[in-house]
Amino acid sequence: HKDRVEILERVVEFFGCGKIRPKGPQSSVLTFAVERTQDITEKVLPHFDKYPLQSTKQQDYLKFREIVLCMRLKEHKDPQVLLEIARIAFSMNLHGKQRKHSLAEVESRILRGHTPDLTAG
């Protein structure tokens, strides 16, 4: 909550990266976000590798880590790898809010323009 912004400010200071943003245009809830892959791989991942989460969120962290490392290696540029990344992402935070798009919609967008024409030839 915005009344406790100092906690998130300490997180930004600790990691030396990231931004604090409102969760929505009219929201009093704040979020901490790190956008640069380099910051995630060099600052955030090493911390959680050294100090694993002591909850069920550890499994989501390991999936997140896998996705970030694939992206760092630019593997997400291969549509098949991007499909696998989407599937991993959709398996995370199963008890969170519903997503705006279904996995089928995301898969369809990834494959658009990459599906071979089986009628040609």
PDB file of N, CA and C in Angstrom:
ATOM      1  N   HIS A   1       0.836  -1.185   0.000  1.00  0.00           N
ATOM      2  CA  HIS A   1       0.000   0.000   0.000  1.00  0.00           C
ATOM      3  C   HIS A   1       0.877   1.242   0.000  1.00  0.00           C
ATOM      4  N   LYS A   2       0.375   2.329  -0.611  1.00  0.00           N
ATOM      5  CA  LYS A   2       1.181   3.548  -0.729  1.00  0.00           C
ATOM      6  C   LYS A   2       1.584   4.117   0.625  1.00  0.00           C
ATOM      7  N   ASP A   3       0.832   3.785   1.673  1.00  0.00           N
ATOM      8  CA  ASP A   3       1.198   4.257   3.010  1.00  0.00           C
ATOM      9  C   ASP A   3       2.488   3.622   3.520  1.00  0.00           C
ATOM     10  N   ARG A   4       2.907   2.524   2.886  1.00  0.00           N
ATOM     11  CA  ARG A   4       4.132   1.816   3.307  1.00  0.00           C
ATOM     12  C   ARG A   4       5.192   1.826   2.201  1.00  0.00           C
ATOM     13  N   VAL A   5       5.203   2.879   1.407  1.00  0.00           N
ATOM     14  CA  VAL A   5       6.117   2.982   0.267  1.00  0.00           C
ATOM     15  C   VAL A   5       7.576   2.840   0.686  1.00  0.00           C
ATOM     16  N   GLU A   6       7.889   3.195   1.932  1.00  0.00           N
ATOM     17  CA  GLU A   6       9.288   3.129   2.378  1.00  0.00           C
ATOM     18  C   GLU A   6       9.843   1.707   2.314  1.00  0.00           C
ATOM     19  N   ILE A   7       9.000   0.709   2.454  1.00  0.00           N
ATOM     20  CA  ILE A   7       9.464  -0.679   2.353  1.00  0.00           C
ATOM     21  C   ILE A   7       9.942  -0.954   0.930  1.00  0.00           C
ATOM     22  N   LEU A   8       9.152  -0.558  -0.060  1.00  0.00           N
ATOM     23  CA  LEU A   8       9.560  -0.764  -1.451  1.00  0.00           C
ATOM     24  C   LEU A   8      10.771   0.086  -1.806  1.00  0.00           C
ATOM     25  N   GLU A   9      10.874   1.264  -1.238  1.00  0.00           N
ATOM     26  CA  GLU A   9      12.056   2.111  -1.484  1.00  0.00           C
ATOM     27  C   GLU A   9      13.317   1.421  -0.973  1.00  0.00           C
ATOM     28  N   ARG A  10      13.206   0.722   0.147  1.00  0.00           N
ATOM     29  CA  ARG A  10      14.352  -0.030   0.666  1.00  0.00           C
ATOM     30  C   ARG A  10      14.693  -1.206  -0.242  1.00  0.00           C
ATOM     31  N   VAL A  11      13.697  -1.826  -0.867  1.00  0.00           N
ATOM     32  CA  VAL A  11      13.945  -2.917  -1.818  1.00  0.00           C
ATOM     33  C   VAL A  11      14.694  -2.383  -3.042  1.00  0.00           C
ATOM     34  N   VAL A  12      14.255  -1.233  -3.563  1.00  0.00           N
ATOM     35  CA  VAL A  12      14.944  -0.607  -4.703  1.00  0.00           C
ATOM     36  C   VAL A  12      16.395  -0.307  -4.327  1.00  0.00           C
ATOM     37  N   GLU A  13      16.591   0.235  -3.132  1.00  0.00           N
ATOM     38  CA  GLU A  13      17.948   0.557  -2.668  1.00  0.00           C
ATOM     39  C   GLU A  13      18.778  -0.716  -2.505  1.00  0.00           C
ATOM     40  N   PHE A  14      18.203  -1.760  -1.939  1.00  0.00           N
ATOM     41  CA  PHE A  14      18.916  -3.017  -1.715  1.00  0.00           C
ATOM     42  C   PHE A  14      19.399  -3.624  -3.030  1.00  0.00           C
ATOM     43  N   PHE A  15      18.493  -3.735  -4.008  1.00  0.00           N
ATOM     44  CA  PHE A  15      18.861  -4.350  -5.281  1.00  0.00           C
ATOM     45  C   PHE A  15      19.588  -3.384  -6.210  1.00  0.00           C
ATOM     46  N   GLY A  16      19.447  -2.084  -5.982  1.00  0.00           N
ATOM     47  CA  GLY A  16      20.099  -1.109  -6.849  1.00  0.00           C
ATOM     48  C   GLY A  16      19.464  -1.037  -8.226  1.00  0.00           C
ATOM     49  N   CYS A  17      18.185  -1.379  -8.307  1.00  0.00           N
ATOM     50  CA  CYS A  17      17.475  -1.345  -9.575  1.00  0.00           C
ATOM     51  C   CYS A  17      15.978  -1.416  -9.312  1.00  0.00           C
ATOM     52  N   GLY A  18      15.225  -1.222 -10.357  1.00  0.00           N
ATOM     53  CA  GLY A  18      13.779  -1.361 -10.258  1.00  0.00           C
ATOM     54  C   GLY A  18      13.075  -0.040 -10.039  1.00  0.00           C
ATOM     55  N   LYS A  19      11.757  -0.111 -10.184  1.00  0.00           N
ATOM     56  CA  LYS A  19      10.918   1.078 -10.026  1.00  0.00           C
ATOM     57  C   LYS A  19       9.697   0.710  -9.198  1.00  0.00           C
ATOM     58  N   ILE A  20       9.152   1.710  -8.558  1.00  0.00           N
ATOM     59  CA  ILE A  20       7.923   1.554  -7.794  1.00  0.00           C
ATOM     60  C   ILE A  20       6.823   2.226  -8.596  1.00  0.00           C
ATOM     61  N   ARG A  21       5.729   1.488  -8.796  1.00  0.00           N
ATOM     62  CA  ARG A  21       4.617   2.007  -9.593  1.00  0.00           C
ATOM     63  C   ARG A  21       3.294   1.650  -8.930  1.00  0.00           C
ATOM     64  N   PRO A  22       2.264   2.455  -9.193  1.00  0.00           N
ATOM     65  CA  PRO A  22       0.935   2.040  -8.740  1.00  0.00           C
ATOM     66  C   PRO A  22       0.481   0.829  -9.545  1.00  0.00           C
ATOM     67  N   LYS A  23      -0.280  -0.044  -8.918  1.00  0.00           N
ATOM     68  CA  LYS A  23      -0.754  -1.253  -9.598  1.00  0.00           C
ATOM     69  C   LYS A  23      -1.723  -0.916 -10.725  1.00  0.00           C
ATOM     70  N   GLY A  24      -2.427   0.166 -10.598  1.00  0.00           N
ATOM     71  CA  GLY A  24      -3.359   0.622 -11.626  1.00  0.00           C
ATOM     72  C   GLY A  24      -3.510   2.124 -11.527  1.00  0.00           C
ATOM     73  N   PRO A  25      -4.209   2.737 -12.488  1.00  0.00           N
ATOM     74  CA  PRO A  25      -4.321   4.195 -12.520  1.00  0.00           C
ATOM     75  C   PRO A  25      -4.911   4.815 -11.245  1.00  0.00           C
ATOM     76  N   GLN A  26      -5.873   4.152 -10.643  1.00  0.00           N
ATOM     77  CA  GLN A  26      -6.520   4.690  -9.444  1.00  0.00           C
ATOM     78  C   GLN A  26      -6.164   3.886  -8.192  1.00  0.00           C
ATOM     79  N   SER A  27      -5.166   3.007  -8.290  1.00  0.00           N
ATOM     80  CA  SER A  27      -4.857   2.092  -7.200  1.00  0.00           C
ATOM     81  C   SER A  27      -3.976   2.732  -6.134  1.00  0.00           C
ATOM     82  N   SER A  28      -4.227   2.365  -4.896  1.00  0.00           N
ATOM     83  CA  SER A  28      -3.368   2.787  -3.789  1.00  0.00           C
ATOM     84  C   SER A  28      -2.330   1.708  -3.488  1.00  0.00           C
ATOM     85  N   VAL A  29      -2.363   0.614  -4.267  1.00  0.00           N
ATOM     86  CA  VAL A  29      -1.399  -0.475  -4.128  1.00  0.00           C
ATOM     87  C   VAL A  29      -0.208  -0.190  -5.037  1.00  0.00           C
ATOM     88  N   LEU A  30       0.989  -0.378  -4.492  1.00  0.00           N
ATOM     89  CA  LEU A  30       2.212  -0.150  -5.261  1.00  0.00           C
ATOM     90  C   LEU A  30       2.883  -1.473  -5.588  1.00  0.00           C
ATOM     91  N   THR A  31       3.631  -1.490  -6.684  1.00  0.00           N
ATOM     92  CA  THR A  31       4.393  -2.675  -7.064  1.00  0.00           C
ATOM     93  C   THR A  31       5.844  -2.289  -7.300  1.00  0.00           C
ATOM     94  N   PHE A  32       6.722  -3.252  -7.128  1.00  0.00           N
ATOM     95  CA  PHE A  32       8.144  -3.117  -7.425  1.00  0.00           C
ATOM     96  C   PHE A  32       8.389  -3.913  -8.694  1.00  0.00           C
ATOM     97  N   ALA A  33       8.972  -3.276  -9.709  1.00  0.00           N
ATOM     98  CA  ALA A  33       9.213  -3.950 -10.984  1.00  0.00           C
ATOM     99  C   ALA A  33      10.644  -3.717 -11.452  1.00  0.00           C
ATOM    100  N   VAL A  34      11.270  -4.779 -11.903  1.00  0.00           N
ATOM    101  CA  VAL A  34      12.600  -4.706 -12.514  1.00  0.00           C
ATOM    102  C   VAL A  34      12.411  -5.104 -13.967  1.00  0.00           C
ATOM    103  N   GLU A  35      12.748  -4.206 -14.883  1.00  0.00           N
ATOM    104  CA  GLU A  35      12.479  -4.450 -16.300  1.00  0.00           C
ATOM    105  C   GLU A  35      13.693  -4.921 -17.085  1.00  0.00           C
ATOM    106  N   ARG A  36      14.864  -4.506 -16.689  1.00  0.00           N
ATOM    107  CA  ARG A  36      16.060  -4.868 -17.457  1.00  0.00           C
ATOM    108  C   ARG A  36      16.485  -6.303 -17.140  1.00  0.00           C
ATOM    109  N   THR A  37      16.582  -7.122 -18.176  1.00  0.00           N
ATOM    110  CA  THR A  37      16.993  -8.508 -17.996  1.00  0.00           C
ATOM    111  C   THR A  37      18.345  -8.583 -17.299  1.00  0.00           C
ATOM    112  N   GLN A  38      19.241  -7.692 -17.634  1.00  0.00           N
ATOM    113  CA  GLN A  38      20.565  -7.685 -17.017  1.00  0.00           C
ATOM    114  C   GLN A  38      20.462  -7.462 -15.512  1.00  0.00           C
ATOM    115  N   ASP A  39      19.608  -6.539 -15.071  1.00  0.00           N
ATOM    116  CA  ASP A  39      19.420  -6.315 -13.633  1.00  0.00           C
ATOM    117  C   ASP A  39      18.853  -7.555 -12.953  1.00  0.00           C
ATOM    118  N   ILE A  40      17.929  -8.214 -13.626  1.00  0.00           N
ATOM    119  CA  ILE A  40      17.332  -9.420 -13.046  1.00  0.00           C
ATOM    120  C   ILE A  40      18.391 -10.513 -12.910  1.00  0.00           C
ATOM    121  N   THR A  41      19.179 -10.738 -13.977  1.00  0.00           N
ATOM    122  CA  THR A  41      20.155 -11.829 -13.947  1.00  0.00           C
ATOM    123  C   THR A  41      21.343 -11.531 -13.041  1.00  0.00           C
ATOM    124  N   GLU A  42      21.727 -10.274 -12.933  1.00  0.00           N
ATOM    125  CA  GLU A  42      22.923  -9.939 -12.149  1.00  0.00           C
ATOM    126  C   GLU A  42      22.632  -9.548 -10.703  1.00  0.00           C
ATOM    127  N   LYS A  43      21.408  -9.132 -10.413  1.00  0.00           N
ATOM    128  CA  LYS A  43      21.101  -8.647  -9.058  1.00  0.00           C
ATOM    129  C   LYS A  43      20.020  -9.460  -8.350  1.00  0.00           C
ATOM    130  N   VAL A  44      18.929  -9.717  -9.035  1.00  0.00           N
ATOM    131  CA  VAL A  44      17.785 -10.356  -8.387  1.00  0.00           C
ATOM    132  C   VAL A  44      17.976 -11.869  -8.285  1.00  0.00           C
ATOM    133  N   LEU A  45      18.285 -12.534  -9.405  1.00  0.00           N
ATOM    134  CA  LEU A  45      18.441 -13.988  -9.374  1.00  0.00           C
ATOM    135  C   LEU A  45      19.512 -14.452  -8.391  1.00  0.00           C
ATOM    136  N   PRO A  46      20.694 -13.822  -8.369  1.00  0.00           N
ATOM    137  CA  PRO A  46      21.699 -14.284  -7.407  1.00  0.00           C
ATOM    138  C   PRO A  46      21.216 -14.218  -5.949  1.00  0.00           C
ATOM    139  N   HIS A  47      20.420 -13.216  -5.626  1.00  0.00           N
ATOM    140  CA  HIS A  47      19.908 -13.108  -4.257  1.00  0.00           C
ATOM    141  C   HIS A  47      18.991 -14.287  -3.924  1.00  0.00           C
ATOM    142  N   PHE A  48      18.046 -14.568  -4.819  1.00  0.00           N
ATOM    143  CA  PHE A  48      17.097 -15.644  -4.541  1.00  0.00           C
ATOM    144  C   PHE A  48      17.703 -17.030  -4.756  1.00  0.00           C
ATOM    145  N   ASP A  49      18.803 -17.111  -5.493  1.00  0.00           N
ATOM    146  CA  ASP A  49      19.535 -18.379  -5.573  1.00  0.00           C
ATOM    147  C   ASP A  49      20.240 -18.644  -4.238  1.00  0.00           C
ATOM    148  N   LYS A  50      20.797 -17.586  -3.655  1.00  0.00           N
ATOM    149  CA  LYS A  50      21.515 -17.713  -2.381  1.00  0.00           C
ATOM    150  C   LYS A  50      20.559 -17.862  -1.204  1.00  0.00           C
ATOM    151  N   TYR A  51      19.413 -17.163  -1.280  1.00  0.00           N
ATOM    152  CA  TYR A  51      18.423 -17.182  -0.198  1.00  0.00           C
ATOM    153  C   TYR A  51      17.076 -17.636  -0.760  1.00  0.00           C
ATOM    154  N   PRO A  52      16.890 -18.952  -0.950  1.00  0.00           N
ATOM    155  CA  PRO A  52      15.650 -19.452  -1.561  1.00  0.00           C
ATOM    156  C   PRO A  52      14.410 -19.066  -0.748  1.00  0.00           C
ATOM    157  N   LEU A  53      13.327 -18.877  -1.447  1.00  0.00           N
ATOM    158  CA  LEU A  53      12.050 -18.599  -0.804  1.00  0.00           C
ATOM    159  C   LEU A  53      11.632 -19.808   0.020  1.00  0.00           C
ATOM    160  N   GLN A  54      11.090 -19.569   1.168  1.00  0.00           N
ATOM    161  CA  GLN A  54      10.687 -20.645   2.066  1.00  0.00           C
ATOM    162  C   GLN A  54       9.177 -20.846   2.008  1.00  0.00           C
ATOM    163  N   SER A  55       8.666 -20.903   0.792  1.00  0.00           N
ATOM    164  CA  SER A  55       7.229 -21.090   0.602  1.00  0.00           C
ATOM    165  C   SER A  55       7.008 -21.761  -0.744  1.00  0.00           C
ATOM    166  N   THR A  56       5.748 -21.947  -1.070  1.00  0.00           N
ATOM    167  CA  THR A  56       5.419 -22.553  -2.359  1.00  0.00           C
ATOM    168  C   THR A  56       5.820 -21.641  -3.525  1.00  0.00           C
ATOM    169  N   LYS A  57       6.087 -20.375  -3.253  1.00  0.00           N
ATOM    170  CA  LYS A  57       6.525 -19.446  -4.306  1.00  0.00           C
ATOM    171  C   LYS A  57       7.893 -19.826  -4.868  1.00  0.00           C
ATOM    172  N   GLN A  58       8.638 -20.683  -4.176  1.00  0.00           N
ATOM    173  CA  GLN A  58       9.942 -21.115  -4.675  1.00  0.00           C
ATOM    174  C   GLN A  58       9.804 -21.795  -6.033  1.00  0.00           C
ATOM    175  N   GLN A  59       8.744 -22.578  -6.225  1.00  0.00           N
ATOM    176  CA  GLN A  59       8.539 -23.257  -7.510  1.00  0.00           C
ATOM    177  C   GLN A  59       8.286 -22.237  -8.621  1.00  0.00           C
ATOM    178  N   ASP A  60       7.515 -21.195  -8.327  1.00  0.00           N
ATOM    179  CA  ASP A  60       7.293 -20.129  -9.311  1.00  0.00           C
ATOM    180  C   ASP A  60       8.598 -19.393  -9.592  1.00  0.00           C
ATOM    181  N   TYR A  61       9.411 -19.171  -8.558  1.00  0.00           N
ATOM    182  CA  TYR A  61      10.695 -18.508  -8.762  1.00  0.00           C
ATOM    183  C   TYR A  61      11.562 -19.324  -9.727  1.00  0.00           C
ATOM    184  N   LEU A  62      11.616 -20.632  -9.551  1.00  0.00           N
ATOM    185  CA  LEU A  62      12.447 -21.463 -10.430  1.00  0.00           C
ATOM    186  C   LEU A  62      11.967 -21.403 -11.874  1.00  0.00           C
ATOM    187  N   LYS A  63      10.663 -21.345 -12.070  1.00  0.00           N
ATOM    188  CA  LYS A  63      10.113 -21.193 -13.420  1.00  0.00           C
ATOM    189  C   LYS A  63      10.475 -19.822 -13.988  1.00  0.00           C
ATOM    190  N   PHE A  64      10.318 -18.785 -13.171  1.00  0.00           N
ATOM    191  CA  PHE A  64      10.681 -17.423 -13.575  1.00  0.00           C
ATOM    192  C   PHE A  64      12.155 -17.369 -13.967  1.00  0.00           C
ATOM    193  N   ARG A  65      12.997 -17.982 -13.168  1.00  0.00           N
ATOM    194  CA  ARG A  65      14.443 -18.004 -13.429  1.00  0.00           C
ATOM    195  C   ARG A  65      14.729 -18.659 -14.780  1.00  0.00           C
ATOM    196  N   GLU A  66      14.064 -19.774 -15.045  1.00  0.00           N
ATOM    197  CA  GLU A  66      14.242 -20.475 -16.319  1.00  0.00           C
ATOM    198  C   GLU A  66      13.869 -19.566 -17.495  1.00  0.00           C
ATOM    199  N   ILE A  67      12.755 -18.860 -17.370  1.00  0.00           N
ATOM    200  CA  ILE A  67      12.304 -17.944 -18.423  1.00  0.00           C
ATOM    201  C   ILE A  67      13.317 -16.830 -18.642  1.00  0.00           C
ATOM    202  N   VAL A  68      13.774 -16.223 -17.564  1.00  0.00           N
ATOM    203  CA  VAL A  68      14.730 -15.109 -17.673  1.00  0.00           C
ATOM    204  C   VAL A  68      16.017 -15.574 -18.339  1.00  0.00           C
ATOM    205  N   LEU A  69      16.515 -16.726 -17.955  1.00  0.00           N
ATOM    206  CA  LEU A  69      17.769 -17.209 -18.542  1.00  0.00           C
ATOM    207  C   LEU A  69      17.605 -17.537 -20.024  1.00  0.00           C
ATOM    208  N   CYS A  70      16.449 -18.058 -20.413  1.00  0.00           N
ATOM    209  CA  CYS A  70      16.177 -18.290 -21.845  1.00  0.00           C
ATOM    210  C   CYS A  70      16.192 -16.961 -22.602  1.00  0.00           C
ATOM    211  N   MET A  71      15.567 -15.960 -22.007  1.00  0.00           N
ATOM    212  CA  MET A  71      15.503 -14.653 -22.666  1.00  0.00           C
ATOM    213  C   MET A  71      16.882 -14.007 -22.728  1.00  0.00           C
ATOM    214  N   ARG A  72      17.661 -14.174 -21.688  1.00  0.00           N
ATOM    215  CA  ARG A  72      19.021 -13.605 -21.666  1.00  0.00           C
ATOM    216  C   ARG A  72      19.853 -14.166 -22.811  1.00  0.00           C
ATOM    217  N   LEU A  73      19.617 -15.441 -23.139  1.00  0.00           N
ATOM    218  CA  LEU A  73      20.337 -16.087 -24.233  1.00  0.00           C
ATOM    219  C   LEU A  73      19.654 -15.887 -25.583  1.00  0.00           C
ATOM    220  N   LYS A  74      18.597 -15.060 -25.590  1.00  0.00           N
ATOM    221  CA  LYS A  74      17.839 -14.737 -26.806  1.00  0.00           C
ATOM    222  C   LYS A  74      17.127 -15.957 -27.401  1.00  0.00           C
ATOM    223  N   GLU A  75      16.947 -16.993 -26.602  1.00  0.00           N
ATOM    224  CA  GLU A  75      16.282 -18.203 -27.085  1.00  0.00           C
ATOM    225  C   GLU A  75      14.806 -17.962 -27.380  1.00  0.00           C
ATOM    226  N   HIS A  76      14.235 -16.925 -26.779  1.00  0.00           N
ATOM    227  CA  HIS A  76      12.809 -16.632 -26.979  1.00  0.00           C
ATOM    228  C   HIS A  76      12.502 -16.180 -28.405  1.00  0.00           C
ATOM    229  N   LYS A  77      13.520 -15.918 -29.199  1.00  0.00           N
ATOM    230  CA  LYS A  77      13.303 -15.514 -30.594  1.00  0.00           C
ATOM    231  C   LYS A  77      12.879 -16.688 -31.466  1.00  0.00           C
ATOM    232  N   ASP A  78      13.097 -17.901 -30.986  1.00  0.00           N
ATOM    233  CA  ASP A  78      12.631 -19.114 -31.667  1.00  0.00           C
ATOM    234  C   ASP A  78      11.178 -19.322 -31.245  1.00  0.00           C
ATOM    235  N   PRO A  79      10.236 -19.351 -32.194  1.00  0.00           N
ATOM    236  CA  PRO A  79       8.815 -19.488 -31.828  1.00  0.00           C
ATOM    237  C   PRO A  79       8.510 -20.712 -30.965  1.00  0.00           C
ATOM    238  N   GLN A  80       9.203 -21.816 -31.173  1.00  0.00           N
ATOM    239  CA  GLN A  80       8.945 -23.014 -30.363  1.00  0.00           C
ATOM    240  C   GLN A  80       9.388 -22.805 -28.916  1.00  0.00           C
ATOM    241  N   VAL A  81      10.512 -22.124 -28.719  1.00  0.00           N
ATOM    242  CA  VAL A  81      10.973 -21.819 -27.361  1.00  0.00           C
ATOM    243  C   VAL A  81      10.022 -20.809 -26.715  1.00  0.00           C
ATOM    244  N   LEU A  82       9.576 -19.825 -27.501  1.00  0.00           N
ATOM    245  CA  LEU A  82       8.638 -18.835 -26.969  1.00  0.00           C
ATOM    246  C   LEU A  82       7.336 -19.503 -26.537  1.00  0.00           C
ATOM    247  N   LEU A  83       6.884 -20.492 -27.288  1.00  0.00           N
ATOM    248  CA  LEU A  83       5.703 -21.265 -26.888  1.00  0.00           C
ATOM    249  C   LEU A  83       5.921 -21.932 -25.532  1.00  0.00           C
ATOM    250  N   GLU A  84       7.078 -22.544 -25.366  1.00  0.00           N
ATOM    251  CA  GLU A  84       7.385 -23.215 -24.101  1.00  0.00           C
ATOM    252  C   GLU A  84       7.455 -22.196 -22.958  1.00  0.00           C
ATOM    253  N   ILE A  85       8.029 -21.032 -23.214  1.00  0.00           N
ATOM    254  CA  ILE A  85       8.089 -19.971 -22.204  1.00  0.00           C
ATOM    255  C   ILE A  85       6.675 -19.553 -21.801  1.00  0.00           C
ATOM    256  N   ALA A  86       5.794 -19.388 -22.781  1.00  0.00           N
ATOM    257  CA  ALA A  86       4.409 -19.003 -22.483  1.00  0.00           C
ATOM    258  C   ALA A  86       3.739 -20.067 -21.626  1.00  0.00           C
ATOM    259  N   ARG A  87       3.971 -21.319 -21.941  1.00  0.00           N
ATOM    260  CA  ARG A  87       3.360 -22.403 -21.169  1.00  0.00           C
ATOM    261  C   ARG A  87       3.887 -22.429 -19.739  1.00  0.00           C
ATOM    262  N   ILE A  88       5.175 -22.196 -19.578  1.00  0.00           N
ATOM    263  CA  ILE A  88       5.752 -22.125 -18.230  1.00  0.00           C
ATOM    264  C   ILE A  88       5.135 -20.955 -17.465  1.00  0.00           C
ATOM    265  N   ALA A  89       5.063 -19.794 -18.121  1.00  0.00           N
ATOM    266  CA  ALA A  89       4.504 -18.604 -17.466  1.00  0.00           C
ATOM    267  C   ALA A  89       3.060 -18.839 -17.034  1.00  0.00           C
ATOM    268  N   PHE A  90       2.290 -19.513 -17.862  1.00  0.00           N
ATOM    269  CA  PHE A  90       0.887 -19.774 -17.525  1.00  0.00           C
ATOM    270  C   PHE A  90       0.751 -20.787 -16.394  1.00  0.00           C
ATOM    271  N   SER A  91       1.801 -21.535 -16.108  1.00  0.00           N
ATOM    272  CA  SER A  91       1.747 -22.490 -15.006  1.00  0.00           C
ATOM    273  C   SER A  91       2.112 -21.837 -13.670  1.00  0.00           C
ATOM    274  N   MET A  92       2.484 -20.573 -13.709  1.00  0.00           N
ATOM    275  CA  MET A  92       2.878 -19.854 -12.496  1.00  0.00           C
ATOM    276  C   MET A  92       1.693 -19.108 -11.889  1.00  0.00           C
ATOM    277  N   ASN A  93       1.772 -18.878 -10.585  1.00  0.00           N
ATOM    278  CA  ASN A  93       0.798 -18.061  -9.849  1.00  0.00           C
ATOM    279  C   ASN A  93      -0.636 -18.495 -10.151  1.00  0.00           C
ATOM    280  N   LEU A  94      -0.883 -19.764  -9.986  1.00  0.00           N
ATOM    281  CA  LEU A  94      -2.188 -20.322 -10.339  1.00  0.00           C
ATOM    282  C   LEU A  94      -3.327 -19.779  -9.482  1.00  0.00           C
ATOM    283  N   HIS A  95      -3.006 -19.237  -8.323  1.00  0.00           N
ATOM    284  CA  HIS A  95      -4.046 -18.716  -7.440  1.00  0.00           C
ATOM    285  C   HIS A  95      -4.179 -17.199  -7.534  1.00  0.00           C
ATOM    286  N   GLY A  96      -3.451 -16.582  -8.459  1.00  0.00           N
ATOM    287  CA  GLY A  96      -3.537 -15.140  -8.656  1.00  0.00           C
ATOM    288  C   GLY A  96      -4.759 -14.767  -9.475  1.00  0.00           C
ATOM    289  N   LYS A  97      -4.827 -13.504  -9.834  1.00  0.00           N
ATOM    290  CA  LYS A  97      -5.958 -13.025 -10.635  1.00  0.00           C
ATOM    291  C   LYS A  97      -5.955 -13.686 -12.005  1.00  0.00           C
ATOM    292  N   GLN A  98      -7.116 -13.724 -12.604  1.00  0.00           N
ATOM    293  CA  GLN A  98      -7.241 -14.295 -13.943  1.00  0.00           C
ATOM    294  C   GLN A  98      -6.480 -13.441 -14.956  1.00  0.00           C
ATOM    295  N   ARG A  99      -5.989 -14.074 -15.979  1.00  0.00           N
ATOM    296  CA  ARG A  99      -5.236 -13.383 -17.019  1.00  0.00           C
ATOM    297  C   ARG A  99      -6.191 -12.757 -18.033  1.00  0.00           C
ATOM    298  N   LYS A 100      -5.697 -11.731 -18.692  1.00  0.00           N
ATOM    299  CA  LYS A 100      -6.491 -11.037 -19.709  1.00  0.00           C
ATOM    300  C   LYS A 100      -6.699 -11.924 -20.934  1.00  0.00           C
ATOM    301  N   HIS A 101      -5.686 -12.716 -21.286  1.00  0.00           N
ATOM    302  CA  HIS A 101      -5.748 -13.585 -22.458  1.00  0.00           C
ATOM    303  C   HIS A 101      -5.531 -15.030 -22.034  1.00  0.00           C
ATOM    304  N   SER A 102      -6.141 -15.952 -22.744  1.00  0.00           N
ATOM    305  CA  SER A 102      -5.958 -17.377 -22.461  1.00  0.00           C
ATOM    306  C   SER A 102      -4.633 -17.855 -23.065  1.00  0.00           C
ATOM    307  N   LEU A 103      -4.179 -19.006 -22.596  1.00  0.00           N
ATOM    308  CA  LEU A 103      -2.970 -19.597 -23.166  1.00  0.00           C
ATOM    309  C   LEU A 103      -3.171 -19.878 -24.647  1.00  0.00           C
ATOM    310  N   ALA A 104      -4.350 -20.334 -25.032  1.00  0.00           N
ATOM    311  CA  ALA A 104      -4.631 -20.618 -26.446  1.00  0.00           C
ATOM    312  C   ALA A 104      -4.481 -19.358 -27.301  1.00  0.00           C
ATOM    313  N   GLU A 105      -4.957 -18.223 -26.789  1.00  0.00           N
ATOM    314  CA  GLU A 105      -4.814 -16.958 -27.532  1.00  0.00           C
ATOM    315  C   GLU A 105      -3.346 -16.578 -27.681  1.00  0.00           C
ATOM    316  N   VAL A 106      -2.596 -16.724 -26.613  1.00  0.00           N
ATOM    317  CA  VAL A 106      -1.167 -16.385 -26.656  1.00  0.00           C
ATOM    318  C   VAL A 106      -0.434 -17.305 -27.618  1.00  0.00           C
ATOM    319  N   GLU A 107      -0.724 -18.595 -27.548  1.00  0.00           N
ATOM    320  CA  GLU A 107      -0.087 -19.555 -28.466  1.00  0.00           C
ATOM    321  C   GLU A 107      -0.420 -19.217 -29.915  1.00  0.00           C
ATOM    322  N   SER A 108      -1.656 -18.853 -30.164  1.00  0.00           N
ATOM    323  CA  SER A 108      -2.082 -18.491 -31.517  1.00  0.00           C
ATOM    324  C   SER A 108      -1.295 -17.289 -32.031  1.00  0.00           C
ATOM    325  N   ARG A 109      -1.095 -16.296 -31.183  1.00  0.00           N
ATOM    326  CA  ARG A 109      -0.340 -15.099 -31.598  1.00  0.00           C
ATOM    327  C   ARG A 109       1.125 -15.422 -31.852  1.00  0.00           C
ATOM    328  N   ILE A 110       1.682 -16.311 -31.066  1.00  0.00           N
ATOM    329  CA  ILE A 110       3.084 -16.701 -31.262  1.00  0.00           C
ATOM    330  C   ILE A 110       3.241 -17.428 -32.593  1.00  0.00           C
ATOM    331  N   LEU A 111       2.305 -18.323 -32.877  1.00  0.00           N
ATOM    332  CA  LEU A 111       2.414 -19.148 -34.076  1.00  0.00           C
ATOM    333  C   LEU A 111       2.015 -18.428 -35.355  1.00  0.00           C
ATOM    334  N   ARG A 112       1.279 -17.319 -35.235  1.00  0.00           N
ATOM    335  CA  ARG A 112       0.844 -16.589 -36.433  1.00  0.00           C
ATOM    336  C   ARG A 112       2.070 -16.245 -37.285  1.00  0.00           C
ATOM    337  N   GLY A 113       2.054 -16.670 -38.493  1.00  0.00           N
ATOM    338  CA  GLY A 113       3.165 -16.383 -39.400  1.00  0.00           C
ATOM    339  C   GLY A 113       4.306 -17.379 -39.294  1.00  0.00           C
ATOM    340  N   HIS A 114       4.210 -18.344 -38.382  1.00  0.00           N
ATOM    341  CA  HIS A 114       5.281 -19.325 -38.212  1.00  0.00           C
ATOM    342  C   HIS A 114       4.826 -20.751 -38.484  1.00  0.00           C
ATOM    343  N   THR A 115       3.567 -20.925 -38.769  1.00  0.00           N
ATOM    344  CA  THR A 115       3.035 -22.262 -39.049  1.00  0.00           C
ATOM    345  C   THR A 115       3.268 -22.582 -40.520  1.00  0.00           C
ATOM    346  N   PRO A 116       3.884 -23.708 -40.823  1.00  0.00           N
ATOM    347  CA  PRO A 116       4.128 -24.044 -42.227  1.00  0.00           C
ATOM    348  C   PRO A 116       2.815 -24.294 -42.968  1.00  0.00           C
ATOM    349  N   ASP A 117       2.795 -23.936 -44.234  1.00  0.00           N
ATOM    350  CA  ASP A 117       1.631 -24.179 -45.077  1.00  0.00           C
ATOM    351  C   ASP A 117       1.703 -25.610 -45.591  1.00  0.00           C
ATOM    352  N   LEU A 118       0.868 -26.468 -45.029  1.00  0.00           N
ATOM    353  CA  LEU A 118       0.905 -27.891 -45.383  1.00  0.00           C
ATOM    354  C   LEU A 118       0.236 -28.167 -46.725  1.00  0.00           C
ATOM    355  N   THR A 119      -0.464 -27.171 -47.279  1.00  0.00           N
ATOM    356  CA  THR A 119      -1.142 -27.361 -48.578  1.00  0.00           C
ATOM    357  C   THR A 119      -0.222 -27.013 -49.738  1.00  0.00           C
ATOM    358  N   ALA A 120       0.868 -26.339 -49.460  1.00  0.00           N
ATOM    359  CA  ALA A 120       1.788 -25.929 -50.541  1.00  0.00           C
ATOM    360  C   ALA A 120       2.611 -27.138 -50.987  1.00  0.00           C
ATOM    361  N   GLY A 121       2.956 -27.087 -52.231  1.00  0.00           N
ATOM    362  CA  GLY A 121       3.923 -28.002 -52.667  1.00  0.00           C
ATOM    363  C   GLY A 121       3.625 -29.185 -53.377  1.00  0.00           C
TER     364      GLY A 121
END
